[in-house]
Amino acid sequence: MAKAKRPPGDTDTDGSEGHTTAACPICSAPSVATFRPFCSGRCADVDLSRWLRGAYAIPVTEDDDEDGLDAGAGEGAPAGRAEDPLKH
């Protein structure tokens, strides 16, 4: 059986053709296939702990017009509707 061709630039850390080894996102050691993308079970557990504690978060900026109401509409009234159609 013939060996599959690798895409250009896909090399090992020593420059030979083969599988590239990514660095562990926790400690930067070479990753291991068993714990991919981590290098060990310990680093995988550290990452899980960070997720569970909420250490990973996407920063959010508060928007003044978050509720979607028009600025000219009355407080709490749906946009485009009169306050009370029976009042003249």
PDB file of N, CA and C in Angstrom:
ATOM      1  N   MET A   1       0.847  -1.176   0.000  1.00  0.00           N
ATOM      2  CA  MET A   1       0.000   0.000   0.000  1.00  0.00           C
ATOM      3  C   MET A   1       0.896   1.245   0.000  1.00  0.00           C
ATOM      4  N   ALA A   2       0.586   2.208  -0.851  1.00  0.00           N
ATOM      5  CA  ALA A   2       1.402   3.411  -0.987  1.00  0.00           C
ATOM      6  C   ALA A   2       1.118   4.375   0.163  1.00  0.00           C
ATOM      7  N   LYS A   3       2.159   5.086   0.562  1.00  0.00           N
ATOM      8  CA  LYS A   3       2.033   6.078   1.621  1.00  0.00           C
ATOM      9  C   LYS A   3       1.321   7.318   1.071  1.00  0.00           C
ATOM     10  N   ALA A   4       0.367   7.834   1.809  1.00  0.00           N
ATOM     11  CA  ALA A   4      -0.395   9.006   1.366  1.00  0.00           C
ATOM     12  C   ALA A   4       0.513  10.225   1.314  1.00  0.00           C
ATOM     13  N   LYS A   5       0.304  11.062   0.306  1.00  0.00           N
ATOM     14  CA  LYS A   5       1.090  12.283   0.182  1.00  0.00           C
ATOM     15  C   LYS A   5       0.599  13.309   1.188  1.00  0.00           C
ATOM     16  N   ARG A   6       1.511  14.032   1.740  1.00  0.00           N
ATOM     17  CA  ARG A   6       1.190  15.100   2.685  1.00  0.00           C
ATOM     18  C   ARG A   6       1.103  16.419   1.934  1.00  0.00           C
ATOM     19  N   PRO A   7       0.272  17.334   2.408  1.00  0.00           N
ATOM     20  CA  PRO A   7       0.220  18.648   1.778  1.00  0.00           C
ATOM     21  C   PRO A   7       1.550  19.375   1.963  1.00  0.00           C
ATOM     22  N   PRO A   8       1.871  20.313   1.064  1.00  0.00           N
ATOM     23  CA  PRO A   8       3.122  21.060   1.207  1.00  0.00           C
ATOM     24  C   PRO A   8       3.176  21.772   2.550  1.00  0.00           C
ATOM     25  N   GLY A   9       4.329  21.740   3.180  1.00  0.00           N
ATOM     26  CA  GLY A   9       4.517  22.412   4.461  1.00  0.00           C
ATOM     27  C   GLY A   9       4.131  21.586   5.667  1.00  0.00           C
ATOM     28  N   ASP A  10       3.583  20.384   5.478  1.00  0.00           N
ATOM     29  CA  ASP A  10       3.205  19.515   6.592  1.00  0.00           C
ATOM     30  C   ASP A  10       4.422  18.693   6.992  1.00  0.00           C
ATOM     31  N   THR A  11       5.144  19.177   7.983  1.00  0.00           N
ATOM     32  CA  THR A  11       6.378  18.515   8.407  1.00  0.00           C
ATOM     33  C   THR A  11       6.397  18.343   9.910  1.00  0.00           C
ATOM     34  N   ASP A  12       7.221  17.403  10.375  1.00  0.00           N
ATOM     35  CA  ASP A  12       7.443  17.241  11.805  1.00  0.00           C
ATOM     36  C   ASP A  12       8.319  18.383  12.294  1.00  0.00           C
ATOM     37  N   THR A  13       8.512  18.460  13.596  1.00  0.00           N
ATOM     38  CA  THR A  13       9.321  19.529  14.161  1.00  0.00           C
ATOM     39  C   THR A  13      10.774  19.440  13.717  1.00  0.00           C
ATOM     40  N   ASP A  14      11.257  18.249  13.317  1.00  0.00           N
ATOM     41  CA  ASP A  14      12.645  18.115  12.860  1.00  0.00           C
ATOM     42  C   ASP A  14      12.796  18.408  11.371  1.00  0.00           C
ATOM     43  N   GLY A  15      11.702  18.767  10.690  1.00  0.00           N
ATOM     44  CA  GLY A  15      11.758  19.124   9.285  1.00  0.00           C
ATOM     45  C   GLY A  15      11.446  17.988   8.344  1.00  0.00           C
ATOM     46  N   SER A  16      11.324  16.762   8.841  1.00  0.00           N
ATOM     47  CA  SER A  16      11.005  15.638   7.970  1.00  0.00           C
ATOM     48  C   SER A  16       9.509  15.606   7.704  1.00  0.00           C
ATOM     49  N   GLU A  17       9.131  14.994   6.564  1.00  0.00           N
ATOM     50  CA  GLU A  17       7.708  14.909   6.249  1.00  0.00           C
ATOM     51  C   GLU A  17       7.009  13.999   7.240  1.00  0.00           C
ATOM     52  N   GLY A  18       5.798  14.336   7.574  1.00  0.00           N
ATOM     53  CA  GLY A  18       5.032  13.543   8.522  1.00  0.00           C
ATOM     54  C   GLY A  18       4.006  14.409   9.210  1.00  0.00           C
ATOM     55  N   HIS A  19       3.571  13.973  10.349  1.00  0.00           N
ATOM     56  CA  HIS A  19       2.525  14.666  11.097  1.00  0.00           C
ATOM     57  C   HIS A  19       3.121  15.826  11.885  1.00  0.00           C
ATOM     58  N   THR A  20       2.484  16.994  11.806  1.00  0.00           N
ATOM     59  CA  THR A  20       2.938  18.129  12.604  1.00  0.00           C
ATOM     60  C   THR A  20       2.419  17.968  14.024  1.00  0.00           C
ATOM     61  N   THR A  21       3.216  18.353  14.984  1.00  0.00           N
ATOM     62  CA  THR A  21       2.842  18.246  16.384  1.00  0.00           C
ATOM     63  C   THR A  21       2.484  19.629  16.895  1.00  0.00           C
ATOM     64  N   ALA A  22       1.250  19.791  17.321  1.00  0.00           N
ATOM     65  CA  ALA A  22       0.807  21.070  17.871  1.00  0.00           C
ATOM     66  C   ALA A  22       1.239  21.166  19.327  1.00  0.00           C
ATOM     67  N   ALA A  23       1.359  22.380  19.802  1.00  0.00           N
ATOM     68  CA  ALA A  23       1.734  22.598  21.195  1.00  0.00           C
ATOM     69  C   ALA A  23       0.496  22.527  22.082  1.00  0.00           C
ATOM     70  N   CYS A  24       0.672  22.013  23.283  1.00  0.00           N
ATOM     71  CA  CYS A  24      -0.393  21.955  24.278  1.00  0.00           C
ATOM     72  C   CYS A  24      -0.806  23.393  24.622  1.00  0.00           C
ATOM     73  N   PRO A  25      -2.101  23.719  24.613  1.00  0.00           N
ATOM     74  CA  PRO A  25      -2.528  25.086  24.907  1.00  0.00           C
ATOM     75  C   PRO A  25      -2.313  25.498  26.368  1.00  0.00           C
ATOM     76  N   ILE A  26      -2.060  24.545  27.246  1.00  0.00           N
ATOM     77  CA  ILE A  26      -1.862  24.867  28.661  1.00  0.00           C
ATOM     78  C   ILE A  26      -0.389  25.102  28.979  1.00  0.00           C
ATOM     79  N   CYS A  27       0.494  24.135  28.590  1.00  0.00           N
ATOM     80  CA  CYS A  27       1.905  24.232  28.980  1.00  0.00           C
ATOM     81  C   CYS A  27       2.869  24.351  27.802  1.00  0.00           C
ATOM     82  N   SER A  28       2.372  24.326  26.577  1.00  0.00           N
ATOM     83  CA  SER A  28       3.160  24.459  25.350  1.00  0.00           C
ATOM     84  C   SER A  28       4.058  23.270  25.032  1.00  0.00           C
ATOM     85  N   ALA A  29       3.916  22.159  25.745  1.00  0.00           N
ATOM     86  CA  ALA A  29       4.657  20.938  25.415  1.00  0.00           C
ATOM     87  C   ALA A  29       4.017  20.319  24.169  1.00  0.00           C
ATOM     88  N   PRO A  30       4.729  19.454  23.464  1.00  0.00           N
ATOM     89  CA  PRO A  30       4.118  18.797  22.294  1.00  0.00           C
ATOM     90  C   PRO A  30       2.894  17.981  22.707  1.00  0.00           C
ATOM     91  N   SER A  31       1.827  18.063  21.918  1.00  0.00           N
ATOM     92  CA  SER A  31       0.606  17.334  22.262  1.00  0.00           C
ATOM     93  C   SER A  31       0.765  15.848  21.979  1.00  0.00           C
ATOM     94  N   VAL A  32      -0.052  15.048  22.652  1.00  0.00           N
ATOM     95  CA  VAL A  32      -0.049  13.595  22.511  1.00  0.00           C
ATOM     96  C   VAL A  32      -1.411  13.201  21.947  1.00  0.00           C
ATOM     97  N   ALA A  33      -1.421  12.255  21.006  1.00  0.00           N
ATOM     98  CA  ALA A  33      -2.667  11.869  20.336  1.00  0.00           C
ATOM     99  C   ALA A  33      -3.747  11.434  21.325  1.00  0.00           C
ATOM    100  N   THR A  34      -3.375  10.762  22.393  1.00  0.00           N
ATOM    101  CA  THR A  34      -4.344  10.273  23.377  1.00  0.00           C
ATOM    102  C   THR A  34      -5.104  11.414  24.044  1.00  0.00           C
ATOM    103  N   PHE A  35      -4.430  12.531  24.305  1.00  0.00           N
ATOM    104  CA  PHE A  35      -5.031  13.657  25.033  1.00  0.00           C
ATOM    105  C   PHE A  35      -5.210  14.886  24.144  1.00  0.00           C
ATOM    106  N   ARG A  36      -5.146  14.713  22.844  1.00  0.00           N
ATOM    107  CA  ARG A  36      -5.177  15.805  21.896  1.00  0.00           C
ATOM    108  C   ARG A  36      -6.281  16.808  22.183  1.00  0.00           C
ATOM    109  N   PRO A  37      -6.068  18.094  22.221  1.00  0.00           N
ATOM    110  CA  PRO A  37      -4.866  18.830  21.836  1.00  0.00           C
ATOM    111  C   PRO A  37      -3.885  19.038  22.981  1.00  0.00           C
ATOM    112  N   PHE A  38      -4.071  18.340  24.084  1.00  0.00           N
ATOM    113  CA  PHE A  38      -3.218  18.507  25.258  1.00  0.00           C
ATOM    114  C   PHE A  38      -2.076  17.499  25.257  1.00  0.00           C
ATOM    115  N   CYS A  39      -1.126  17.692  26.177  1.00  0.00           N
ATOM    116  CA  CYS A  39       0.014  16.780  26.265  1.00  0.00           C
ATOM    117  C   CYS A  39      -0.216  15.693  27.301  1.00  0.00           C
ATOM    118  N   SER A  40      -1.169  15.901  28.198  1.00  0.00           N
ATOM    119  CA  SER A  40      -1.407  14.925  29.267  1.00  0.00           C
ATOM    120  C   SER A  40      -2.824  15.080  29.809  1.00  0.00           C
ATOM    121  N   GLY A  41      -3.221  14.114  30.610  1.00  0.00           N
ATOM    122  CA  GLY A  41      -4.515  14.188  31.271  1.00  0.00           C
ATOM    123  C   GLY A  41      -4.575  15.346  32.245  1.00  0.00           C
ATOM    124  N   ARG A  42      -3.440  15.670  32.858  1.00  0.00           N
ATOM    125  CA  ARG A  42      -3.388  16.772  33.810  1.00  0.00           C
ATOM    126  C   ARG A  42      -3.731  18.095  33.123  1.00  0.00           C
ATOM    127  N   CYS A  43      -3.124  18.348  31.953  1.00  0.00           N
ATOM    128  CA  CYS A  43      -3.411  19.592  31.236  1.00  0.00           C
ATOM    129  C   CYS A  43      -4.860  19.623  30.748  1.00  0.00           C
ATOM    130  N   ALA A  44      -5.408  18.479  30.358  1.00  0.00           N
ATOM    131  CA  ALA A  44      -6.818  18.412  29.963  1.00  0.00           C
ATOM    132  C   ALA A  44      -7.707  18.761  31.152  1.00  0.00           C
ATOM    133  N   ASP A  45      -7.352  18.267  32.347  1.00  0.00           N
ATOM    134  CA  ASP A  45      -8.132  18.567  33.554  1.00  0.00           C
ATOM    135  C   ASP A  45      -8.014  20.035  33.950  1.00  0.00           C
ATOM    136  N   VAL A  46      -6.828  20.617  33.776  1.00  0.00           N
ATOM    137  CA  VAL A  46      -6.642  22.041  34.068  1.00  0.00           C
ATOM    138  C   VAL A  46      -7.550  22.873  33.162  1.00  0.00           C
ATOM    139  N   ASP A  47      -7.607  22.523  31.881  1.00  0.00           N
ATOM    140  CA  ASP A  47      -8.458  23.241  30.935  1.00  0.00           C
ATOM    141  C   ASP A  47      -9.933  23.104  31.306  1.00  0.00           C
ATOM    142  N   LEU A  48     -10.362  21.884  31.646  1.00  0.00           N
ATOM    143  CA  LEU A  48     -11.748  21.659  32.054  1.00  0.00           C
ATOM    144  C   LEU A  48     -12.084  22.480  33.295  1.00  0.00           C
ATOM    145  N   SER A  49     -11.170  22.526  34.244  1.00  0.00           N
ATOM    146  CA  SER A  49     -11.379  23.307  35.461  1.00  0.00           C
ATOM    147  C   SER A  49     -11.558  24.789  35.138  1.00  0.00           C
ATOM    148  N   ARG A  50     -10.759  25.290  34.207  1.00  0.00           N
ATOM    149  CA  ARG A  50     -10.888  26.696  33.812  1.00  0.00           C
ATOM    150  C   ARG A  50     -12.254  26.970  33.188  1.00  0.00           C
ATOM    151  N   TRP A  51     -12.747  26.042  32.357  1.00  0.00           N
ATOM    152  CA  TRP A  51     -14.075  26.205  31.761  1.00  0.00           C
ATOM    153  C   TRP A  51     -15.153  26.202  32.842  1.00  0.00           C
ATOM    154  N   LEU A  52     -15.060  25.266  33.782  1.00  0.00           N
ATOM    155  CA  LEU A  52     -16.088  25.145  34.818  1.00  0.00           C
ATOM    156  C   LEU A  52     -16.094  26.334  35.769  1.00  0.00           C
ATOM    157  N   ARG A  53     -14.929  26.938  36.026  1.00  0.00           N
ATOM    158  CA  ARG A  53     -14.851  28.112  36.892  1.00  0.00           C
ATOM    159  C   ARG A  53     -15.292  29.382  36.186  1.00  0.00           C
ATOM    160  N   GLY A  54     -15.397  29.321  34.861  1.00  0.00           N
ATOM    161  CA  GLY A  54     -15.770  30.511  34.105  1.00  0.00           C
ATOM    162  C   GLY A  54     -14.590  31.390  33.754  1.00  0.00           C
ATOM    163  N   ALA A  55     -13.380  30.833  33.790  1.00  0.00           N
ATOM    164  CA  ALA A  55     -12.193  31.614  33.464  1.00  0.00           C
ATOM    165  C   ALA A  55     -12.163  32.001  31.989  1.00  0.00           C
ATOM    166  N   TYR A  56     -12.763  31.172  31.146  1.00  0.00           N
ATOM    167  CA  TYR A  56     -12.851  31.490  29.726  1.00  0.00           C
ATOM    168  C   TYR A  56     -14.180  32.204  29.501  1.00  0.00           C
ATOM    169  N   ALA A  57     -14.122  33.444  29.056  1.00  0.00           N
ATOM    170  CA  ALA A  57     -15.344  34.210  28.827  1.00  0.00           C
ATOM    171  C   ALA A  57     -15.131  35.147  27.650  1.00  0.00           C
ATOM    172  N   ILE A  58     -16.185  35.422  26.941  1.00  0.00           N
ATOM    173  CA  ILE A  58     -16.143  36.366  25.837  1.00  0.00           C
ATOM    174  C   ILE A  58     -16.570  37.716  26.385  1.00  0.00           C
ATOM    175  N   PRO A  59     -15.709  38.734  26.272  1.00  0.00           N
ATOM    176  CA  PRO A  59     -16.082  40.044  26.794  1.00  0.00           C
ATOM    177  C   PRO A  59     -17.251  40.627  26.005  1.00  0.00           C
ATOM    178  N   VAL A  60     -18.172  41.255  26.728  1.00  0.00           N
ATOM    179  CA  VAL A  60     -19.370  41.818  26.120  1.00  0.00           C
ATOM    180  C   VAL A  60     -19.473  43.277  26.517  1.00  0.00           C
ATOM    181  N   THR A  61     -19.831  44.118  25.556  1.00  0.00           N
ATOM    182  CA  THR A  61     -20.107  45.513  25.880  1.00  0.00           C
ATOM    183  C   THR A  61     -21.615  45.689  25.887  1.00  0.00           C
ATOM    184  N   GLU A  62     -22.113  46.393  26.888  1.00  0.00           N
ATOM    185  CA  GLU A  62     -23.549  46.614  27.012  1.00  0.00           C
ATOM    186  C   GLU A  62     -23.998  47.599  25.942  1.00  0.00           C
ATOM    187  N   ASP A  63     -25.136  47.313  25.324  1.00  0.00           N
ATOM    188  CA  ASP A  63     -25.713  48.168  24.298  1.00  0.00           C
ATOM    189  C   ASP A  63     -26.878  48.935  24.910  1.00  0.00           C
ATOM    190  N   ASP A  64     -26.917  50.266  24.704  1.00  0.00           N
ATOM    191  CA  ASP A  64     -27.995  51.081  25.269  1.00  0.00           C
ATOM    192  C   ASP A  64     -29.359  50.664  24.731  1.00  0.00           C
ATOM    193  N   ASP A  65     -29.443  50.301  23.452  1.00  0.00           N
ATOM    194  CA  ASP A  65     -30.716  49.946  22.829  1.00  0.00           C
ATOM    195  C   ASP A  65     -30.827  48.427  22.732  1.00  0.00           C
ATOM    196  N   GLU A  66     -30.578  47.759  23.832  1.00  0.00           N
ATOM    197  CA  GLU A  66     -30.558  46.299  23.847  1.00  0.00           C
ATOM    198  C   GLU A  66     -31.940  45.684  23.688  1.00  0.00           C
ATOM    199  N   ASP A  67     -32.984  46.361  24.188  1.00  0.00           N
ATOM    200  CA  ASP A  67     -34.326  45.786  24.126  1.00  0.00           C
ATOM    201  C   ASP A  67     -34.980  45.949  22.756  1.00  0.00           C
ATOM    202  N   GLY A  68     -34.429  46.771  21.872  1.00  0.00           N
ATOM    203  CA  GLY A  68     -34.947  46.907  20.517  1.00  0.00           C
ATOM    204  C   GLY A  68     -36.070  47.912  20.362  1.00  0.00           C
ATOM    205  N   LEU A  69     -36.420  48.655  21.415  1.00  0.00           N
ATOM    206  CA  LEU A  69     -37.483  49.656  21.314  1.00  0.00           C
ATOM    207  C   LEU A  69     -36.952  50.897  20.618  1.00  0.00           C
ATOM    208  N   ASP A  70     -37.841  51.585  19.879  1.00  0.00           N
ATOM    209  CA  ASP A  70     -37.468  52.848  19.259  1.00  0.00           C
ATOM    210  C   ASP A  70     -37.261  53.884  20.349  1.00  0.00           C
ATOM    211  N   ALA A  71     -36.385  54.831  20.105  1.00  0.00           N
ATOM    212  CA  ALA A  71     -36.105  55.868  21.091  1.00  0.00           C
ATOM    213  C   ALA A  71     -37.318  56.766  21.312  1.00  0.00           C
ATOM    214  N   GLY A  72     -38.160  56.991  20.288  1.00  0.00           N
ATOM    215  CA  GLY A  72     -39.313  57.871  20.405  1.00  0.00           C
ATOM    216  C   GLY A  72     -40.530  57.211  21.018  1.00  0.00           C
ATOM    217  N   ALA A  73     -40.567  55.912  21.108  1.00  0.00           N
ATOM    218  CA  ALA A  73     -41.729  55.205  21.661  1.00  0.00           C
ATOM    219  C   ALA A  73     -41.773  55.394  23.166  1.00  0.00           C
ATOM    220  N   GLY A  74     -42.974  55.316  23.716  1.00  0.00           N
ATOM    221  CA  GLY A  74     -43.138  55.453  25.155  1.00  0.00           C
ATOM    222  C   GLY A  74     -42.500  54.295  25.894  1.00  0.00           C
ATOM    223  N   GLU A  75     -42.203  54.521  27.150  1.00  0.00           N
ATOM    224  CA  GLU A  75     -41.558  53.485  27.960  1.00  0.00           C
ATOM    225  C   GLU A  75     -42.455  52.259  28.049  1.00  0.00           C
ATOM    226  N   GLY A  76     -41.995  51.132  27.637  1.00  0.00           N
ATOM    227  CA  GLY A  76     -42.737  49.895  27.734  1.00  0.00           C
ATOM    228  C   GLY A  76     -43.742  49.665  26.624  1.00  0.00           C
ATOM    229  N   ALA A  77     -44.008  50.653  25.777  1.00  0.00           N
ATOM    230  CA  ALA A  77     -44.963  50.486  24.680  1.00  0.00           C
ATOM    231  C   ALA A  77     -44.246  49.893  23.477  1.00  0.00           C
ATOM    232  N   PRO A  78     -44.887  48.954  22.790  1.00  0.00           N
ATOM    233  CA  PRO A  78     -44.264  48.406  21.582  1.00  0.00           C
ATOM    234  C   PRO A  78     -44.070  49.490  20.532  1.00  0.00           C
ATOM    235  N   ALA A  79     -42.997  49.402  19.776  1.00  0.00           N
ATOM    236  CA  ALA A  79     -42.692  50.406  18.758  1.00  0.00           C
ATOM    237  C   ALA A  79     -43.785  50.432  17.697  1.00  0.00           C
ATOM    238  N   GLY A  80     -44.213  51.649  17.307  1.00  0.00           N
ATOM    239  CA  GLY A  80     -45.183  51.798  16.230  1.00  0.00           C
ATOM    240  C   GLY A  80     -46.634  51.679  16.664  1.00  0.00           C
ATOM    241  N   ARG A  81     -46.934  51.545  17.951  1.00  0.00           N
ATOM    242  CA  ARG A  81     -48.317  51.434  18.425  1.00  0.00           C
ATOM    243  C   ARG A  81     -48.643  52.649  19.288  1.00  0.00           C
ATOM    244  N   ALA A  82     -49.893  53.062  19.245  1.00  0.00           N
ATOM    245  CA  ALA A  82     -50.348  54.174  20.083  1.00  0.00           C
ATOM    246  C   ALA A  82     -50.482  53.680  21.522  1.00  0.00           C
ATOM    247  N   GLU A  83     -50.348  54.601  22.473  1.00  0.00           N
ATOM    248  CA  GLU A  83     -50.465  54.250  23.883  1.00  0.00           C
ATOM    249  C   GLU A  83     -51.847  53.686  24.197  1.00  0.00           C
ATOM    250  N   ASP A  84     -52.904  54.438  23.877  1.00  0.00           N
ATOM    251  CA  ASP A  84     -54.280  54.001  24.124  1.00  0.00           C
ATOM    252  C   ASP A  84     -55.145  54.527  22.992  1.00  0.00           C
ATOM    253  N   PRO A  85     -55.644  53.669  22.115  1.00  0.00           N
ATOM    254  CA  PRO A  85     -56.410  54.148  20.958  1.00  0.00           C
ATOM    255  C   PRO A  85     -57.748  54.780  21.337  1.00  0.00           C
ATOM    256  N   LEU A  86     -58.294  54.561  22.545  1.00  0.00           N
ATOM    257  CA  LEU A  86     -59.589  55.118  22.937  1.00  0.00           C
ATOM    258  C   LEU A  86     -59.471  56.524  23.498  1.00  0.00           C
ATOM    259  N   LYS A  87     -58.309  56.926  23.933  1.00  0.00           N
ATOM    260  CA  LYS A  87     -58.119  58.283  24.462  1.00  0.00           C
ATOM    261  C   LYS A  87     -57.934  59.246  23.305  1.00  0.00           C
ATOM    262  N   HIS A  88     -58.649  60.391  23.370  1.00  0.00           N
ATOM    263  CA  HIS A  88     -58.528  61.396  22.312  1.00  0.00           C
ATOM    264  C   HIS A  88     -57.944  62.650  22.832  1.00  0.00           C
TER     265      HIS A  88
END
